[in-house]
Amino acid sequence: PSGACCRWRRRRDETPERGGVAMVKRTSIKNSIRSLNRLIAKLEEGSEKRLKLEKSLAELEKKRLDVVRIEREKKNAKRYRGIRFVEWRKLDRKHKQLRRALAEAKDNGRDTEAIEGDINRVSRDLLYIKNYPNSEKYVSILLPPTEENAARIERIRAGIERRLKDEAIVAEADEGAAIRVVQGGDGAAAEDDGIEAEDDFFLGEGEDGDLPVASTSAAPGGALPEVSGGESESESGAGEEGAGAGGRGRGPRAGAGRLGAGPRTRPVIQDRKRGRVEGKPPR
């Protein structure tokens, strides 16, 4: 009794007024269809509201049929999964045996027409098992078929082969469209390259845009090479000041005015109490 009382109290506390989560009732498609039918029956023929409701009713009916179809496919897939798996394993084993027999017949120079026919038949049976539509009850391919089952097997087999053929055609068309898109992109890239080459051709001799041109020969003594149209006087003065500071690290870069002037020296560590202290040699 205490448990029942607690459960009742917990359900009472889960109301929106007490901060709980309100349970939202989901209206099923069947209930919606029944409500629309009752409402449509009360309206006049040809009225605008009735036409809208009839359109909504047709959409709900389509959704209901889709739900029924999906549920039936799930049920059949679960029901016939075992027998389809067993038949697949048997036919797959037989297919491998026929492939080995075909290879041996080719090596020995024997006739392979009968073996190739058996391989094609087993391959068709494997496609039948793998692509069987779940919307229908499964008909075994290994059991002796009756006249009705034989006609049904041929009908389903023809539908499977037709569907696979259509999918292959669509995939081939998509691949061709992708190839055409890639080729069109390459053509546009080649056209852009031609325009850039034409722009380079119209540039005069020694005109490479706004980029500075550095001389290839280095100045004697390891100094920086001269750069035409690049460095300003303030930057050059800052470099000389950093170089003349004796490597104290006061400028933007210690020794920035010299490039490859010699071996690296020991760095100087500045200590507030003891003054300048020689540091460890660089690695």
C-alpha atoms as a PDB file:
ATOM      1  CA  PRO A   1       0.000   0.000   0.000  1.00  0.00           C
ATOM      2  CA  SER A   2       2.829   2.368   0.821  1.00  0.00           C
ATOM      3  CA  GLY A   3       4.352   1.760  -2.608  1.00  0.00           C
ATOM      4  CA  ALA A   4       1.058   2.429  -4.339  1.00  0.00           C
ATOM      5  CA  CYS A   5       0.665   5.627  -2.343  1.00  0.00           C
ATOM      6  CA  CYS A   6       4.166   6.729  -3.339  1.00  0.00           C
ATOM      7  CA  ARG A   7       3.481   5.978  -6.987  1.00  0.00           C
ATOM      8  CA  TRP A   8       0.280   8.000  -6.864  1.00  0.00           C
ATOM      9  CA  ARG A   9       2.110  10.862  -5.180  1.00  0.00           C
ATOM     10  CA  ARG A  10       4.877  10.733  -7.798  1.00  0.00           C
ATOM     11  CA  ARG A  11       2.358  10.890 -10.627  1.00  0.00           C
ATOM     12  CA  ARG A  12       0.645  13.825  -8.945  1.00  0.00           C
ATOM     13  CA  ASP A  13       3.972  15.678  -8.580  1.00  0.00           C
ATOM     14  CA  GLU A  14       4.785  15.271 -12.270  1.00  0.00           C
ATOM     15  CA  THR A  15       2.146  17.768 -13.365  1.00  0.00           C
ATOM     16  CA  PRO A  16       3.233  20.994 -15.128  1.00  0.00           C
ATOM     17  CA  GLU A  17       1.974  23.093 -12.180  1.00  0.00           C
ATOM     18  CA  ARG A  18       4.469  21.359  -9.878  1.00  0.00           C
ATOM     19  CA  GLY A  19       7.430  21.655 -12.266  1.00  0.00           C
ATOM     20  CA  GLY A  20       7.133  18.175 -13.779  1.00  0.00           C
ATOM     21  CA  VAL A  21       7.158  17.130 -17.424  1.00  0.00           C
ATOM     22  CA  ALA A  22       3.769  17.112 -19.117  1.00  0.00           C
ATOM     23  CA  MET A  23       2.948  13.964 -21.066  1.00  0.00           C
ATOM     24  CA  VAL A  24       1.962  14.926 -24.616  1.00  0.00           C
ATOM     25  CA  LYS A  25      -0.450  12.486 -26.229  1.00  0.00           C
ATOM     26  CA  ARG A  26       0.480  11.667 -29.816  1.00  0.00           C
ATOM     27  CA  THR A  27      -2.489  11.407 -32.117  1.00  0.00           C
ATOM     28  CA  SER A  28      -2.232   8.391 -34.393  1.00  0.00           C
ATOM     29  CA  ILE A  29      -2.811   8.597 -38.125  1.00  0.00           C
ATOM     30  CA  LYS A  30      -5.935   6.455 -37.842  1.00  0.00           C
ATOM     31  CA  ASN A  31      -7.489   8.785 -35.279  1.00  0.00           C
ATOM     32  CA  SER A  32      -6.670  11.803 -37.458  1.00  0.00           C
ATOM     33  CA  ILE A  33      -8.283  10.155 -40.474  1.00  0.00           C
ATOM     34  CA  ARG A  34     -11.405   9.290 -38.467  1.00  0.00           C
ATOM     35  CA  SER A  35     -11.691  12.856 -37.150  1.00  0.00           C
ATOM     36  CA  LEU A  36     -11.315  14.324 -40.636  1.00  0.00           C
ATOM     37  CA  ASN A  37     -13.974  11.987 -42.019  1.00  0.00           C
ATOM     38  CA  ARG A  38     -16.424  13.086 -39.325  1.00  0.00           C
ATOM     39  CA  LEU A  39     -15.675  16.752 -39.977  1.00  0.00           C
ATOM     40  CA  ILE A  40     -15.974  16.377 -43.756  1.00  0.00           C
ATOM     41  CA  ALA A  41     -19.365  14.684 -43.382  1.00  0.00           C
ATOM     42  CA  LYS A  42     -20.709  17.798 -41.631  1.00  0.00           C
ATOM     43  CA  LEU A  43     -19.597  20.224 -44.362  1.00  0.00           C
ATOM     44  CA  GLU A  44     -21.350  21.078 -47.592  1.00  0.00           C
ATOM     45  CA  GLU A  45     -20.361  19.595 -50.929  1.00  0.00           C
ATOM     46  CA  GLY A  46     -17.869  21.711 -52.892  1.00  0.00           C
ATOM     47  CA  SER A  47     -17.064  24.149 -50.094  1.00  0.00           C
ATOM     48  CA  GLU A  48     -13.513  25.496 -49.879  1.00  0.00           C
ATOM     49  CA  LYS A  49     -12.949  24.172 -46.381  1.00  0.00           C
ATOM     50  CA  ARG A  50     -14.148  20.717 -47.375  1.00  0.00           C
ATOM     51  CA  LEU A  51     -11.767  20.627 -50.352  1.00  0.00           C
ATOM     52  CA  LYS A  52      -8.825  21.502 -48.087  1.00  0.00           C
ATOM     53  CA  LEU A  53      -9.805  18.814 -45.601  1.00  0.00           C
ATOM     54  CA  GLU A  54     -10.169  16.236 -48.360  1.00  0.00           C
ATOM     55  CA  LYS A  55      -6.675  17.090 -49.584  1.00  0.00           C
ATOM     56  CA  SER A  56      -5.309  16.662 -46.056  1.00  0.00           C
ATOM     57  CA  LEU A  57      -7.212  13.387 -45.784  1.00  0.00           C
ATOM     58  CA  ALA A  58      -5.576  12.067 -48.965  1.00  0.00           C
ATOM     59  CA  GLU A  59      -2.120  12.935 -47.606  1.00  0.00           C
ATOM     60  CA  LEU A  60      -2.856  11.179 -44.312  1.00  0.00           C
ATOM     61  CA  GLU A  61      -4.110   8.112 -46.160  1.00  0.00           C
ATOM     62  CA  LYS A  62      -0.864   8.014 -48.133  1.00  0.00           C
ATOM     63  CA  LYS A  63       1.149   8.239 -44.907  1.00  0.00           C
ATOM     64  CA  ARG A  64      -0.918   5.426 -43.407  1.00  0.00           C
ATOM     65  CA  LEU A  65      -0.210   3.179 -46.388  1.00  0.00           C
ATOM     66  CA  ASP A  66       3.511   3.945 -46.123  1.00  0.00           C
ATOM     67  CA  VAL A  67       3.501   3.030 -42.434  1.00  0.00           C
ATOM     68  CA  VAL A  68       1.654  -0.222 -43.158  1.00  0.00           C
ATOM     69  CA  ARG A  69       4.117  -1.098 -45.920  1.00  0.00           C
ATOM     70  CA  ILE A  70       7.156  -0.421 -43.723  1.00  0.00           C
ATOM     71  CA  GLU A  71       5.748  -2.508 -40.886  1.00  0.00           C
ATOM     72  CA  ARG A  72       5.004  -5.393 -43.259  1.00  0.00           C
ATOM     73  CA  GLU A  73       8.538  -5.244 -44.704  1.00  0.00           C
ATOM     74  CA  LYS A  74      10.078  -5.312 -41.222  1.00  0.00           C
ATOM     75  CA  LYS A  75       7.917  -8.275 -40.238  1.00  0.00           C
ATOM     76  CA  ASN A  76       8.773 -10.297 -43.356  1.00  0.00           C
ATOM     77  CA  ALA A  77      12.492  -9.483 -43.105  1.00  0.00           C
ATOM     78  CA  LYS A  78      12.564 -10.743 -39.532  1.00  0.00           C
ATOM     79  CA  ARG A  79      10.417 -13.790 -40.278  1.00  0.00           C
ATOM     80  CA  TYR A  80      12.312 -15.100 -43.336  1.00  0.00           C
ATOM     81  CA  ARG A  81      15.810 -14.095 -42.308  1.00  0.00           C
ATOM     82  CA  GLY A  82      16.803 -17.588 -41.182  1.00  0.00           C
ATOM     83  CA  ILE A  83      15.723 -19.525 -44.274  1.00  0.00           C
ATOM     84  CA  ARG A  84      17.243 -16.938 -46.599  1.00  0.00           C
ATOM     85  CA  PHE A  85      20.549 -17.159 -44.735  1.00  0.00           C
ATOM     86  CA  VAL A  86      20.635 -20.966 -44.952  1.00  0.00           C
ATOM     87  CA  GLU A  87      19.845 -20.997 -48.665  1.00  0.00           C
ATOM     88  CA  TRP A  88      22.425 -18.283 -49.300  1.00  0.00           C
ATOM     89  CA  ARG A  89      25.152 -20.302 -47.555  1.00  0.00           C
ATOM     90  CA  LYS A  90      24.299 -23.457 -49.536  1.00  0.00           C
ATOM     91  CA  LEU A  91      24.280 -21.685 -52.894  1.00  0.00           C
ATOM     92  CA  ASP A  92      27.413 -19.700 -52.094  1.00  0.00           C
ATOM     93  CA  ARG A  93      29.271 -22.917 -51.258  1.00  0.00           C
ATOM     94  CA  LYS A  94      28.060 -24.493 -54.492  1.00  0.00           C
ATOM     95  CA  HIS A  95      29.110 -21.399 -56.457  1.00  0.00           C
ATOM     96  CA  LYS A  96      32.659 -21.641 -55.082  1.00  0.00           C
ATOM     97  CA  GLN A  97      32.823 -25.345 -55.961  1.00  0.00           C
ATOM     98  CA  LEU A  98      31.737 -24.610 -59.526  1.00  0.00           C
ATOM     99  CA  ARG A  99      34.348 -21.869 -59.846  1.00  0.00           C
ATOM    100  CA  ARG A 100      37.082 -24.276 -58.779  1.00  0.00           C
ATOM    101  CA  ALA A 101      35.768 -26.912 -61.192  1.00  0.00           C
ATOM    102  CA  LEU A 102      35.791 -24.333 -63.999  1.00  0.00           C
ATOM    103  CA  ALA A 103      39.407 -23.429 -63.291  1.00  0.00           C
ATOM    104  CA  GLU A 104      40.429 -27.115 -63.299  1.00  0.00           C
ATOM    105  CA  ALA A 105      38.560 -27.731 -66.567  1.00  0.00           C
ATOM    106  CA  LYS A 106      40.345 -24.808 -68.223  1.00  0.00           C
ATOM    107  CA  ASP A 107      43.718 -26.077 -67.019  1.00  0.00           C
ATOM    108  CA  ASN A 108      43.018 -29.578 -68.371  1.00  0.00           C
ATOM    109  CA  GLY A 109      41.569 -28.311 -71.658  1.00  0.00           C
ATOM    110  CA  ARG A 110      38.105 -29.800 -71.137  1.00  0.00           C
ATOM    111  CA  ASP A 111      34.757 -28.375 -72.235  1.00  0.00           C
ATOM    112  CA  THR A 112      33.494 -25.686 -69.815  1.00  0.00           C
ATOM    113  CA  GLU A 113      30.096 -24.865 -71.331  1.00  0.00           C
ATOM    114  CA  ALA A 114      28.069 -26.969 -68.878  1.00  0.00           C
ATOM    115  CA  ILE A 115      29.968 -25.626 -65.865  1.00  0.00           C
ATOM    116  CA  GLU A 116      29.501 -22.032 -67.015  1.00  0.00           C
ATOM    117  CA  GLY A 117      25.761 -22.642 -67.380  1.00  0.00           C
ATOM    118  CA  ASP A 118      25.579 -23.971 -63.816  1.00  0.00           C
ATOM    119  CA  ILE A 119      27.526 -20.938 -62.567  1.00  0.00           C
ATOM    120  CA  ASN A 120      25.095 -18.558 -64.259  1.00  0.00           C
ATOM    121  CA  ARG A 121      22.111 -20.389 -62.794  1.00  0.00           C
ATOM    122  CA  VAL A 122      23.549 -20.319 -59.261  1.00  0.00           C
ATOM    123  CA  SER A 123      24.449 -16.630 -59.653  1.00  0.00           C
ATOM    124  CA  ARG A 124      20.838 -15.848 -60.583  1.00  0.00           C
ATOM    125  CA  ASP A 125      19.632 -17.745 -57.528  1.00  0.00           C
ATOM    126  CA  LEU A 126      22.006 -15.766 -55.299  1.00  0.00           C
ATOM    127  CA  LEU A 127      20.673 -12.498 -56.724  1.00  0.00           C
ATOM    128  CA  TYR A 128      17.139 -13.766 -56.103  1.00  0.00           C
ATOM    129  CA  ILE A 129      17.881 -14.435 -52.423  1.00  0.00           C
ATOM    130  CA  LYS A 130      19.822 -11.224 -51.810  1.00  0.00           C
ATOM    131  CA  ASN A 131      17.407  -8.807 -53.521  1.00  0.00           C
ATOM    132  CA  TYR A 132      14.097 -10.491 -52.680  1.00  0.00           C
ATOM    133  CA  PRO A 133      11.519  -7.776 -51.841  1.00  0.00           C
ATOM    134  CA  ASN A 134      10.500  -7.786 -48.190  1.00  0.00           C
ATOM    135  CA  SER A 135       7.018  -6.635 -49.115  1.00  0.00           C
ATOM    136  CA  GLU A 136       6.097 -10.204 -50.143  1.00  0.00           C
ATOM    137  CA  LYS A 137       6.284 -13.588 -48.475  1.00  0.00           C
ATOM    138  CA  TYR A 138       9.473 -15.431 -49.278  1.00  0.00           C
ATOM    139  CA  VAL A 139       9.299 -18.385 -51.670  1.00  0.00           C
ATOM    140  CA  SER A 140      12.153 -20.867 -51.281  1.00  0.00           C
ATOM    141  CA  ILE A 141      14.396 -21.338 -54.296  1.00  0.00           C
ATOM    142  CA  LEU A 142      15.729 -24.763 -53.239  1.00  0.00           C
ATOM    143  CA  LEU A 143      12.483 -26.593 -52.475  1.00  0.00           C
ATOM    144  CA  PRO A 144      10.593 -28.249 -55.356  1.00  0.00           C
ATOM    145  CA  PRO A 145       8.226 -25.463 -56.472  1.00  0.00           C
ATOM    146  CA  THR A 146       4.587 -25.910 -57.277  1.00  0.00           C
ATOM    147  CA  GLU A 147       3.080 -24.461 -60.432  1.00  0.00           C
ATOM    148  CA  GLU A 148       1.901 -21.360 -58.601  1.00  0.00           C
ATOM    149  CA  ASN A 149       5.220 -20.864 -56.801  1.00  0.00           C
ATOM    150  CA  ALA A 150       7.187 -21.365 -60.030  1.00  0.00           C
ATOM    151  CA  ALA A 151       5.257 -18.568 -61.747  1.00  0.00           C
ATOM    152  CA  ARG A 152       5.709 -16.350 -58.709  1.00  0.00           C
ATOM    153  CA  ILE A 153       9.465 -17.023 -58.618  1.00  0.00           C
ATOM    154  CA  GLU A 154       9.849 -16.105 -62.277  1.00  0.00           C
ATOM    155  CA  ARG A 155       7.827 -12.922 -61.795  1.00  0.00           C
ATOM    156  CA  ILE A 156       9.902 -11.816 -58.808  1.00  0.00           C
ATOM    157  CA  ARG A 157      13.142 -12.804 -60.531  1.00  0.00           C
ATOM    158  CA  ALA A 158      12.244 -10.711 -63.596  1.00  0.00           C
ATOM    159  CA  GLY A 159      11.376  -7.734 -61.380  1.00  0.00           C
ATOM    160  CA  ILE A 160      14.689  -8.000 -59.525  1.00  0.00           C
ATOM    161  CA  GLU A 161      16.713  -8.142 -62.745  1.00  0.00           C
ATOM    162  CA  ARG A 162      14.786  -5.191 -64.194  1.00  0.00           C
ATOM    163  CA  ARG A 163      15.371  -3.114 -61.066  1.00  0.00           C
ATOM    164  CA  LEU A 164      19.092  -3.924 -60.985  1.00  0.00           C
ATOM    165  CA  LYS A 165      19.385  -3.000 -64.654  1.00  0.00           C
ATOM    166  CA  ASP A 166      17.657   0.352 -64.080  1.00  0.00           C
ATOM    167  CA  GLU A 167      19.920   1.099 -61.110  1.00  0.00           C
ATOM    168  CA  ALA A 168      22.995   0.288 -63.217  1.00  0.00           C
ATOM    169  CA  ILE A 169      21.792   2.642 -65.978  1.00  0.00           C
ATOM    170  CA  VAL A 170      21.188   5.454 -63.478  1.00  0.00           C
ATOM    171  CA  ALA A 171      24.612   4.924 -61.876  1.00  0.00           C
ATOM    172  CA  GLU A 172      26.282   4.992 -65.295  1.00  0.00           C
ATOM    173  CA  ALA A 173      24.456   8.214 -66.204  1.00  0.00           C
ATOM    174  CA  ASP A 174      25.509   9.846 -62.926  1.00  0.00           C
ATOM    175  CA  GLU A 175      29.105   8.805 -63.520  1.00  0.00           C
ATOM    176  CA  GLY A 176      29.033  10.279 -67.032  1.00  0.00           C
ATOM    177  CA  ALA A 177      27.626  13.563 -65.707  1.00  0.00           C
ATOM    178  CA  ALA A 178      30.367  13.704 -63.072  1.00  0.00           C
ATOM    179  CA  ILE A 179      33.023  13.118 -65.745  1.00  0.00           C
ATOM    180  CA  ARG A 180      31.575  15.927 -67.872  1.00  0.00           C
ATOM    181  CA  VAL A 181      31.613  18.280 -64.880  1.00  0.00           C
ATOM    182  CA  VAL A 182      35.258  17.439 -64.156  1.00  0.00           C
ATOM    183  CA  GLN A 183      36.231  17.955 -67.791  1.00  0.00           C
ATOM    184  CA  GLY A 184      34.429  21.288 -67.855  1.00  0.00           C
ATOM    185  CA  GLY A 185      36.302  22.386 -64.731  1.00  0.00           C
ATOM    186  CA  ASP A 186      39.651  21.443 -66.282  1.00  0.00           C
ATOM    187  CA  GLY A 187      38.786  23.443 -69.379  1.00  0.00           C
ATOM    188  CA  ALA A 188      38.010  26.513 -67.263  1.00  0.00           C
ATOM    189  CA  ALA A 189      41.304  26.090 -65.390  1.00  0.00           C
ATOM    190  CA  ALA A 190      43.204  25.836 -68.676  1.00  0.00           C
ATOM    191  CA  GLU A 191      41.491  29.012 -69.901  1.00  0.00           C
ATOM    192  CA  ASP A 192      42.545  30.850 -66.714  1.00  0.00           C
ATOM    193  CA  ASP A 193      46.141  29.668 -67.216  1.00  0.00           C
ATOM    194  CA  GLY A 194      46.068  31.026 -70.763  1.00  0.00           C
ATOM    195  CA  ILE A 195      44.862  34.431 -69.514  1.00  0.00           C
ATOM    196  CA  GLU A 196      47.637  34.554 -66.899  1.00  0.00           C
ATOM    197  CA  ALA A 197      50.246  33.640 -69.510  1.00  0.00           C
ATOM    198  CA  GLU A 198      48.946  36.423 -71.756  1.00  0.00           C
ATOM    199  CA  ASP A 199      49.222  38.915 -68.878  1.00  0.00           C
ATOM    200  CA  ASP A 200      52.825  37.834 -68.236  1.00  0.00           C
ATOM    201  CA  PHE A 201      53.621  38.236 -71.912  1.00  0.00           C
ATOM    202  CA  PHE A 202      52.411  41.855 -71.950  1.00  0.00           C
ATOM    203  CA  LEU A 203      54.655  42.786 -69.006  1.00  0.00           C
ATOM    204  CA  GLY A 204      57.778  44.632 -70.103  1.00  0.00           C
ATOM    205  CA  GLU A 205      61.292  43.376 -69.532  1.00  0.00           C
ATOM    206  CA  GLY A 206      62.181  43.622 -65.856  1.00  0.00           C
ATOM    207  CA  GLU A 207      58.535  44.300 -64.874  1.00  0.00           C
ATOM    208  CA  ASP A 208      57.354  41.704 -62.386  1.00  0.00           C
ATOM    209  CA  GLY A 209      54.649  43.722 -60.704  1.00  0.00           C
ATOM    210  CA  ASP A 210      55.293  45.447 -57.389  1.00  0.00           C
ATOM    211  CA  LEU A 211      57.601  42.766 -56.005  1.00  0.00           C
ATOM    212  CA  PRO A 212      61.229  43.894 -55.365  1.00  0.00           C
ATOM    213  CA  VAL A 213      63.988  42.113 -57.264  1.00  0.00           C
ATOM    214  CA  ALA A 214      66.955  40.985 -55.152  1.00  0.00           C
ATOM    215  CA  SER A 215      70.434  40.703 -56.653  1.00  0.00           C
ATOM    216  CA  THR A 216      71.875  37.206 -56.695  1.00  0.00           C
ATOM    217  CA  SER A 217      75.451  38.152 -55.712  1.00  0.00           C
ATOM    218  CA  ALA A 218      76.118  38.787 -52.030  1.00  0.00           C
ATOM    219  CA  ALA A 219      78.128  41.799 -50.879  1.00  0.00           C
ATOM    220  CA  PRO A 220      81.671  41.222 -49.527  1.00  0.00           C
ATOM    221  CA  GLY A 221      82.028  40.742 -45.806  1.00  0.00           C
ATOM    222  CA  GLY A 222      78.735  38.920 -45.435  1.00  0.00           C
ATOM    223  CA  ALA A 223      76.587  42.083 -45.695  1.00  0.00           C
ATOM    224  CA  LEU A 224      73.023  41.941 -46.836  1.00  0.00           C
ATOM    225  CA  PRO A 225      72.506  42.066 -50.609  1.00  0.00           C
ATOM    226  CA  GLU A 226      71.007  45.233 -52.007  1.00  0.00           C
ATOM    227  CA  VAL A 227      67.285  45.107 -52.750  1.00  0.00           C
ATOM    228  CA  SER A 228      65.878  47.420 -55.387  1.00  0.00           C
ATOM    229  CA  GLY A 229      62.815  49.370 -54.305  1.00  0.00           C
ATOM    230  CA  GLY A 230      62.421  47.486 -51.030  1.00  0.00           C
ATOM    231  CA  GLU A 231      63.980  48.762 -47.785  1.00  0.00           C
ATOM    232  CA  SER A 232      63.382  52.250 -46.384  1.00  0.00           C
ATOM    233  CA  GLU A 233      65.945  54.465 -44.603  1.00  0.00           C
ATOM    234  CA  SER A 234      64.342  53.981 -41.179  1.00  0.00           C
ATOM    235  CA  GLU A 235      64.566  50.181 -41.435  1.00  0.00           C
ATOM    236  CA  SER A 236      68.207  50.329 -42.539  1.00  0.00           C
ATOM    237  CA  GLY A 237      69.058  52.680 -39.670  1.00  0.00           C
ATOM    238  CA  ALA A 238      67.404  50.379 -37.156  1.00  0.00           C
ATOM    239  CA  GLY A 239      69.474  47.486 -38.482  1.00  0.00           C
ATOM    240  CA  GLU A 240      72.743  49.416 -38.145  1.00  0.00           C
ATOM    241  CA  GLU A 241      71.854  50.443 -34.591  1.00  0.00           C
ATOM    242  CA  GLY A 242      71.149  46.814 -33.654  1.00  0.00           C
ATOM    243  CA  ALA A 243      74.429  45.702 -35.191  1.00  0.00           C
ATOM    244  CA  GLY A 244      76.457  48.417 -33.433  1.00  0.00           C
ATOM    245  CA  ALA A 245      74.969  47.684 -30.033  1.00  0.00           C
ATOM    246  CA  GLY A 246      77.494  44.899 -29.501  1.00  0.00           C
ATOM    247  CA  GLY A 247      74.912  42.145 -29.449  1.00  0.00           C
ATOM    248  CA  ARG A 248      73.196  43.488 -26.331  1.00  0.00           C
ATOM    249  CA  GLY A 249      69.736  42.721 -27.737  1.00  0.00           C
ATOM    250  CA  ARG A 250      68.593  46.381 -27.633  1.00  0.00           C
ATOM    251  CA  GLY A 251      67.603  46.676 -31.316  1.00  0.00           C
ATOM    252  CA  PRO A 252      64.869  44.888 -33.179  1.00  0.00           C
ATOM    253  CA  ARG A 253      67.285  42.074 -33.897  1.00  0.00           C
ATOM    254  CA  ALA A 254      70.761  41.839 -32.491  1.00  0.00           C
ATOM    255  CA  GLY A 255      73.144  41.848 -35.435  1.00  0.00           C
ATOM    256  CA  ALA A 256      70.357  42.246 -37.968  1.00  0.00           C
ATOM    257  CA  GLY A 257      72.653  44.250 -40.255  1.00  0.00           C
ATOM    258  CA  ARG A 258      74.969  41.292 -40.715  1.00  0.00           C
ATOM    259  CA  LEU A 259      74.185  38.014 -42.406  1.00  0.00           C
ATOM    260  CA  GLY A 260      76.519  35.079 -41.903  1.00  0.00           C
ATOM    261  CA  ALA A 261      79.243  37.251 -40.327  1.00  0.00           C
ATOM    262  CA  GLY A 262      80.855  34.384 -38.413  1.00  0.00           C
ATOM    263  CA  PRO A 263      80.327  31.849 -35.608  1.00  0.00           C
ATOM    264  CA  ARG A 264      77.650  32.536 -33.040  1.00  0.00           C
ATOM    265  CA  THR A 265      78.885  34.017 -29.756  1.00  0.00           C
ATOM    266  CA  ARG A 266      77.808  33.276 -26.214  1.00  0.00           C
ATOM    267  CA  PRO A 267      74.494  34.964 -25.361  1.00  0.00           C
ATOM    268  CA  VAL A 268      74.615  37.656 -22.691  1.00  0.00           C
ATOM    269  CA  ILE A 269      72.035  37.353 -19.872  1.00  0.00           C
ATOM    270  CA  GLN A 270      71.091  40.600 -18.128  1.00  0.00           C
ATOM    271  CA  ASP A 271      70.650  40.250 -14.351  1.00  0.00           C
ATOM    272  CA  ARG A 272      69.299  43.136 -12.288  1.00  0.00           C
ATOM    273  CA  LYS A 273      71.478  42.426  -9.223  1.00  0.00           C
ATOM    274  CA  ARG A 274      74.737  41.103 -10.659  1.00  0.00           C
ATOM    275  CA  GLY A 275      74.763  43.000 -13.941  1.00  0.00           C
ATOM    276  CA  ARG A 276      75.877  41.201 -17.085  1.00  0.00           C
ATOM    277  CA  VAL A 277      76.396  37.458 -16.746  1.00  0.00           C
ATOM    278  CA  GLU A 278      77.795  35.202 -19.457  1.00  0.00           C
ATOM    279  CA  GLY A 279      75.312  32.542 -20.399  1.00  0.00           C
ATOM    280  CA  LYS A 280      75.802  29.001 -21.652  1.00  0.00           C
ATOM    281  CA  PRO A 281      77.063  28.475 -25.181  1.00  0.00           C
ATOM    282  CA  PRO A 282      74.288  27.947 -27.685  1.00  0.00           C
ATOM    283  CA  ARG A 283      73.519  24.406 -28.772  1.00  0.00           C
END
